[in-house]
């Protein structure tokens, strides 16, 4: 049996988990970066297709809206976050908004981020949100466009959040 170097074994696992999804510039202050597979995203409307750790929209008639949860430990919100999208749609872009919402309906939202058109894999970087902590849930709300019959499915490969310690 041929011995494989550990890096050859771990590289596919890292790609599957979305660890290599986004280039993150870490600030000098102490932060914790959390990476998530697109398969963590849950549908709000539409029917998702989950393939190789991604969430995709295979529909030719309607867009897919998903919420991608971010787990936070602290009460200081997020410094930065981002989404790795695959956009094959000629008709519309993938777009996401980072939201932190309390059970009392108080919400903080970062500006919407959007893919730049039919460019395949793209990193979308978002500023952080100030809200968070006990009683808040933080997530990306994303819209994945429908696909034309001759196009591949667009989707979310992975996402990340950078939380101050």
C-alpha atoms as a PDB file:
ATOM      1  CA  UNK A   1       0.000   0.000   0.000  1.00  0.00           C
ATOM      2  CA  UNK A   2       1.336   3.403  -0.934  1.00  0.00           C
ATOM      3  CA  UNK A   3       1.871   5.817   1.960  1.00  0.00           C
ATOM      4  CA  UNK A   4       0.196   9.172   1.419  1.00  0.00           C
ATOM      5  CA  UNK A   5       1.523  12.332   2.969  1.00  0.00           C
ATOM      6  CA  UNK A   6      -0.906  13.883   5.492  1.00  0.00           C
ATOM      7  CA  UNK A   7      -1.290  17.010   3.340  1.00  0.00           C
ATOM      8  CA  UNK A   8      -2.624  14.905   0.468  1.00  0.00           C
ATOM      9  CA  UNK A   9      -5.189  13.396   2.799  1.00  0.00           C
ATOM     10  CA  UNK A  10      -6.224  16.648   4.487  1.00  0.00           C
ATOM     11  CA  UNK A  11      -6.457  18.900   1.420  1.00  0.00           C
ATOM     12  CA  UNK A  12      -9.713  17.330   0.094  1.00  0.00           C
ATOM     13  CA  UNK A  13     -11.163  17.470   3.608  1.00  0.00           C
ATOM     14  CA  UNK A  14     -10.250  21.155   3.942  1.00  0.00           C
ATOM     15  CA  UNK A  15     -11.895  21.928   0.606  1.00  0.00           C
ATOM     16  CA  UNK A  16     -15.002  19.962   1.601  1.00  0.00           C
ATOM     17  CA  UNK A  17     -15.315  21.920   4.853  1.00  0.00           C
ATOM     18  CA  UNK A  18     -14.889  25.241   3.107  1.00  0.00           C
ATOM     19  CA  UNK A  19     -11.692  26.090   4.948  1.00  0.00           C
ATOM     20  CA  UNK A  20     -10.030  27.276   1.760  1.00  0.00           C
ATOM     21  CA  UNK A  21     -13.124  29.169   0.653  1.00  0.00           C
ATOM     22  CA  UNK A  22     -12.222  32.734   1.402  1.00  0.00           C
ATOM     23  CA  UNK A  23      -9.093  34.783   1.726  1.00  0.00           C
ATOM     24  CA  UNK A  24      -9.444  36.361   5.149  1.00  0.00           C
ATOM     25  CA  UNK A  25      -7.253  39.265   6.186  1.00  0.00           C
ATOM     26  CA  UNK A  26      -7.096  38.914   9.954  1.00  0.00           C
ATOM     27  CA  UNK A  27      -6.696  42.149  11.911  1.00  0.00           C
ATOM     28  CA  UNK A  28      -3.938  42.634  14.477  1.00  0.00           C
ATOM     29  CA  UNK A  29      -6.436  42.311  17.337  1.00  0.00           C
ATOM     30  CA  UNK A  30      -7.429  38.907  18.660  1.00  0.00           C
ATOM     31  CA  UNK A  31     -10.238  37.332  16.653  1.00  0.00           C
ATOM     32  CA  UNK A  32     -11.790  33.940  16.049  1.00  0.00           C
ATOM     33  CA  UNK A  33     -12.568  32.931  12.471  1.00  0.00           C
ATOM     34  CA  UNK A  34     -15.388  30.427  11.966  1.00  0.00           C
ATOM     35  CA  UNK A  35     -15.848  28.707   8.595  1.00  0.00           C
ATOM     36  CA  UNK A  36     -19.028  26.964   7.459  1.00  0.00           C
ATOM     37  CA  UNK A  37     -19.983  24.777   4.526  1.00  0.00           C
ATOM     38  CA  UNK A  38     -22.811  26.028   2.310  1.00  0.00           C
ATOM     39  CA  UNK A  39     -24.658  22.865   3.337  1.00  0.00           C
ATOM     40  CA  UNK A  40     -25.419  24.607   6.662  1.00  0.00           C
ATOM     41  CA  UNK A  41     -27.774  27.000   4.841  1.00  0.00           C
ATOM     42  CA  UNK A  42     -31.487  26.234   5.247  1.00  0.00           C
ATOM     43  CA  UNK A  43     -34.247  27.191   2.806  1.00  0.00           C
ATOM     44  CA  UNK A  44     -36.649  30.051   3.487  1.00  0.00           C
ATOM     45  CA  UNK A  45     -38.434  29.479   0.182  1.00  0.00           C
ATOM     46  CA  UNK A  46     -37.691  27.239  -2.752  1.00  0.00           C
ATOM     47  CA  UNK A  47     -36.152  23.791  -2.905  1.00  0.00           C
ATOM     48  CA  UNK A  48     -32.391  23.568  -2.419  1.00  0.00           C
ATOM     49  CA  UNK A  49     -30.068  20.944  -3.822  1.00  0.00           C
ATOM     50  CA  UNK A  50     -27.110  19.965  -1.643  1.00  0.00           C
ATOM     51  CA  UNK A  51     -24.036  18.811  -3.588  1.00  0.00           C
ATOM     52  CA  UNK A  52     -20.498  18.348  -2.244  1.00  0.00           C
ATOM     53  CA  UNK A  53     -21.089  20.581   0.773  1.00  0.00           C
ATOM     54  CA  UNK A  54     -22.742  23.331  -1.292  1.00  0.00           C
ATOM     55  CA  UNK A  55     -26.315  24.567  -1.437  1.00  0.00           C
ATOM     56  CA  UNK A  56     -27.520  25.168  -5.004  1.00  0.00           C
ATOM     57  CA  UNK A  57     -30.638  26.286  -6.835  1.00  0.00           C
ATOM     58  CA  UNK A  58     -31.482  23.853  -9.636  1.00  0.00           C
ATOM     59  CA  UNK A  59     -34.870  25.474 -10.345  1.00  0.00           C
ATOM     60  CA  UNK A  60     -35.459  26.993 -13.772  1.00  0.00           C
ATOM     61  CA  UNK A  61     -38.561  28.869 -12.576  1.00  0.00           C
ATOM     62  CA  UNK A  62     -37.843  30.531  -9.224  1.00  0.00           C
ATOM     63  CA  UNK A  63     -35.088  31.928  -7.051  1.00  0.00           C
ATOM     64  CA  UNK A  64     -34.017  30.215  -3.827  1.00  0.00           C
ATOM     65  CA  UNK A  65     -33.765  32.156  -0.550  1.00  0.00           C
ATOM     66  CA  UNK A  66     -31.692  30.587   2.241  1.00  0.00           C
ATOM     67  CA  UNK A  67     -30.560  31.524   5.741  1.00  0.00           C
ATOM     68  CA  UNK A  68     -26.995  30.557   6.623  1.00  0.00           C
ATOM     69  CA  UNK A  69     -26.549  30.542  10.434  1.00  0.00           C
ATOM     70  CA  UNK A  70     -23.481  32.012  12.135  1.00  0.00           C
ATOM     71  CA  UNK A  71     -22.666  30.814  15.642  1.00  0.00           C
ATOM     72  CA  UNK A  72     -21.308  33.560  17.901  1.00  0.00           C
ATOM     73  CA  UNK A  73     -19.853  33.198  21.389  1.00  0.00           C
ATOM     74  CA  UNK A  74     -19.488  36.797  22.478  1.00  0.00           C
ATOM     75  CA  UNK A  75     -21.602  39.903  22.769  1.00  0.00           C
ATOM     76  CA  UNK A  76     -19.610  42.235  20.536  1.00  0.00           C
ATOM     77  CA  UNK A  77     -20.996  41.259  17.138  1.00  0.00           C
ATOM     78  CA  UNK A  78     -18.798  40.400  14.159  1.00  0.00           C
ATOM     79  CA  UNK A  79     -15.806  42.245  12.725  1.00  0.00           C
ATOM     80  CA  UNK A  80     -16.130  40.836   9.222  1.00  0.00           C
ATOM     81  CA  UNK A  81     -17.892  38.071   7.349  1.00  0.00           C
ATOM     82  CA  UNK A  82     -18.055  36.725   3.831  1.00  0.00           C
ATOM     83  CA  UNK A  83     -19.624  34.254   1.450  1.00  0.00           C
ATOM     84  CA  UNK A  84     -18.052  32.156  -1.316  1.00  0.00           C
ATOM     85  CA  UNK A  85     -20.628  31.919  -4.108  1.00  0.00           C
ATOM     86  CA  UNK A  86     -20.775  30.145  -7.433  1.00  0.00           C
ATOM     87  CA  UNK A  87     -22.691  32.332  -9.908  1.00  0.00           C
ATOM     88  CA  UNK A  88     -23.516  30.909 -13.335  1.00  0.00           C
ATOM     89  CA  UNK A  89     -26.714  32.905 -13.912  1.00  0.00           C
ATOM     90  CA  UNK A  90     -26.816  35.333 -16.830  1.00  0.00           C
ATOM     91  CA  UNK A  91     -30.138  36.790 -15.648  1.00  0.00           C
ATOM     92  CA  UNK A  92     -29.444  37.703 -12.011  1.00  0.00           C
ATOM     93  CA  UNK A  93     -26.742  37.807  -9.328  1.00  0.00           C
ATOM     94  CA  UNK A  94     -26.375  35.984  -6.021  1.00  0.00           C
ATOM     95  CA  UNK A  95     -26.796  38.430  -3.142  1.00  0.00           C
ATOM     96  CA  UNK A  96     -26.586  38.156   0.638  1.00  0.00           C
ATOM     97  CA  UNK A  97     -27.207  40.314   3.703  1.00  0.00           C
ATOM     98  CA  UNK A  98     -25.626  39.648   7.103  1.00  0.00           C
ATOM     99  CA  UNK A  99     -28.291  40.041   9.813  1.00  0.00           C
ATOM    100  CA  UNK A 100     -28.242  39.848  13.614  1.00  0.00           C
ATOM    101  CA  UNK A 101     -31.755  39.720  15.105  1.00  0.00           C
ATOM    102  CA  UNK A 102     -33.000  39.539  18.697  1.00  0.00           C
ATOM    103  CA  UNK A 103     -36.084  37.736  19.962  1.00  0.00           C
ATOM    104  CA  UNK A 104     -37.513  41.214  20.680  1.00  0.00           C
ATOM    105  CA  UNK A 105     -37.393  41.953  16.907  1.00  0.00           C
ATOM    106  CA  UNK A 106     -34.421  44.301  17.149  1.00  0.00           C
ATOM    107  CA  UNK A 107     -32.192  43.809  14.120  1.00  0.00           C
ATOM    108  CA  UNK A 108     -28.812  44.905  12.840  1.00  0.00           C
ATOM    109  CA  UNK A 109     -27.947  44.419   9.178  1.00  0.00           C
ATOM    110  CA  UNK A 110     -24.800  44.967   7.149  1.00  0.00           C
ATOM    111  CA  UNK A 111     -25.063  46.370   3.607  1.00  0.00           C
ATOM    112  CA  UNK A 112     -26.088  43.830   0.966  1.00  0.00           C
ATOM    113  CA  UNK A 113     -23.253  42.101  -0.892  1.00  0.00           C
ATOM    114  CA  UNK A 114     -23.714  40.898  -4.464  1.00  0.00           C
ATOM    115  CA  UNK A 115     -21.862  38.801  -7.026  1.00  0.00           C
ATOM    116  CA  UNK A 116     -20.545  40.593 -10.087  1.00  0.00           C
ATOM    117  CA  UNK A 117     -22.395  38.544 -12.643  1.00  0.00           C
ATOM    118  CA  UNK A 118     -21.820  35.269 -14.346  1.00  0.00           C
ATOM    119  CA  UNK A 119     -18.265  34.784 -13.179  1.00  0.00           C
ATOM    120  CA  UNK A 120     -18.291  31.374 -11.511  1.00  0.00           C
ATOM    121  CA  UNK A 121     -16.643  31.300  -8.068  1.00  0.00           C
ATOM    122  CA  UNK A 122     -16.503  34.666  -6.267  1.00  0.00           C
ATOM    123  CA  UNK A 123     -15.727  35.842  -2.729  1.00  0.00           C
ATOM    124  CA  UNK A 124     -18.200  38.370  -1.339  1.00  0.00           C
ATOM    125  CA  UNK A 125     -16.893  40.242   1.705  1.00  0.00           C
ATOM    126  CA  UNK A 126     -19.234  41.912   4.173  1.00  0.00           C
ATOM    127  CA  UNK A 127     -18.552  44.330   6.966  1.00  0.00           C
ATOM    128  CA  UNK A 128     -19.485  42.998  10.383  1.00  0.00           C
ATOM    129  CA  UNK A 129     -22.570  43.754  12.450  1.00  0.00           C
ATOM    130  CA  UNK A 130     -22.663  45.398  15.874  1.00  0.00           C
ATOM    131  CA  UNK A 131     -25.484  43.323  17.328  1.00  0.00           C
ATOM    132  CA  UNK A 132     -25.091  39.952  18.899  1.00  0.00           C
ATOM    133  CA  UNK A 133     -24.764  38.126  22.139  1.00  0.00           C
ATOM    134  CA  UNK A 134     -27.420  36.571  24.322  1.00  0.00           C
ATOM    135  CA  UNK A 135     -30.826  36.524  22.682  1.00  0.00           C
ATOM    136  CA  UNK A 136     -29.506  37.296  19.179  1.00  0.00           C
ATOM    137  CA  UNK A 137     -29.256  35.010  16.194  1.00  0.00           C
ATOM    138  CA  UNK A 138     -26.915  35.951  13.385  1.00  0.00           C
ATOM    139  CA  UNK A 139     -27.154  34.677   9.819  1.00  0.00           C
ATOM    140  CA  UNK A 140     -26.634  35.461   6.156  1.00  0.00           C
ATOM    141  CA  UNK A 141     -29.898  35.807   4.235  1.00  0.00           C
ATOM    142  CA  UNK A 142     -29.034  34.957   0.616  1.00  0.00           C
ATOM    143  CA  UNK A 143     -30.910  34.807  -2.668  1.00  0.00           C
ATOM    144  CA  UNK A 144     -29.667  32.369  -5.300  1.00  0.00           C
ATOM    145  CA  UNK A 145     -31.066  33.041  -8.800  1.00  0.00           C
ATOM    146  CA  UNK A 146     -32.911  30.511 -10.920  1.00  0.00           C
ATOM    147  CA  UNK A 147     -30.941  28.902 -13.702  1.00  0.00           C
ATOM    148  CA  UNK A 148     -31.615  28.889 -17.406  1.00  0.00           C
ATOM    149  CA  UNK A 149     -32.075  25.407 -18.909  1.00  0.00           C
ATOM    150  CA  UNK A 150     -28.599  25.587 -20.474  1.00  0.00           C
ATOM    151  CA  UNK A 151     -26.802  26.917 -17.363  1.00  0.00           C
ATOM    152  CA  UNK A 152     -25.218  25.197 -14.395  1.00  0.00           C
ATOM    153  CA  UNK A 153     -26.763  25.781 -10.965  1.00  0.00           C
ATOM    154  CA  UNK A 154     -25.602  28.763  -8.903  1.00  0.00           C
ATOM    155  CA  UNK A 155     -25.097  28.357  -5.176  1.00  0.00           C
ATOM    156  CA  UNK A 156     -23.213  28.994  -1.968  1.00  0.00           C
ATOM    157  CA  UNK A 157     -20.027  27.029  -1.465  1.00  0.00           C
ATOM    158  CA  UNK A 158     -19.058  28.305   1.996  1.00  0.00           C
ATOM    159  CA  UNK A 159     -19.158  31.292   4.340  1.00  0.00           C
ATOM    160  CA  UNK A 160     -17.166  32.650   7.264  1.00  0.00           C
ATOM    161  CA  UNK A 161     -17.455  35.026  10.211  1.00  0.00           C
ATOM    162  CA  UNK A 162     -14.718  36.821  12.131  1.00  0.00           C
ATOM    163  CA  UNK A 163     -15.633  37.397  15.778  1.00  0.00           C
ATOM    164  CA  UNK A 164     -13.635  39.562  18.217  1.00  0.00           C
ATOM    165  CA  UNK A 165     -12.413  37.704  21.290  1.00  0.00           C
END
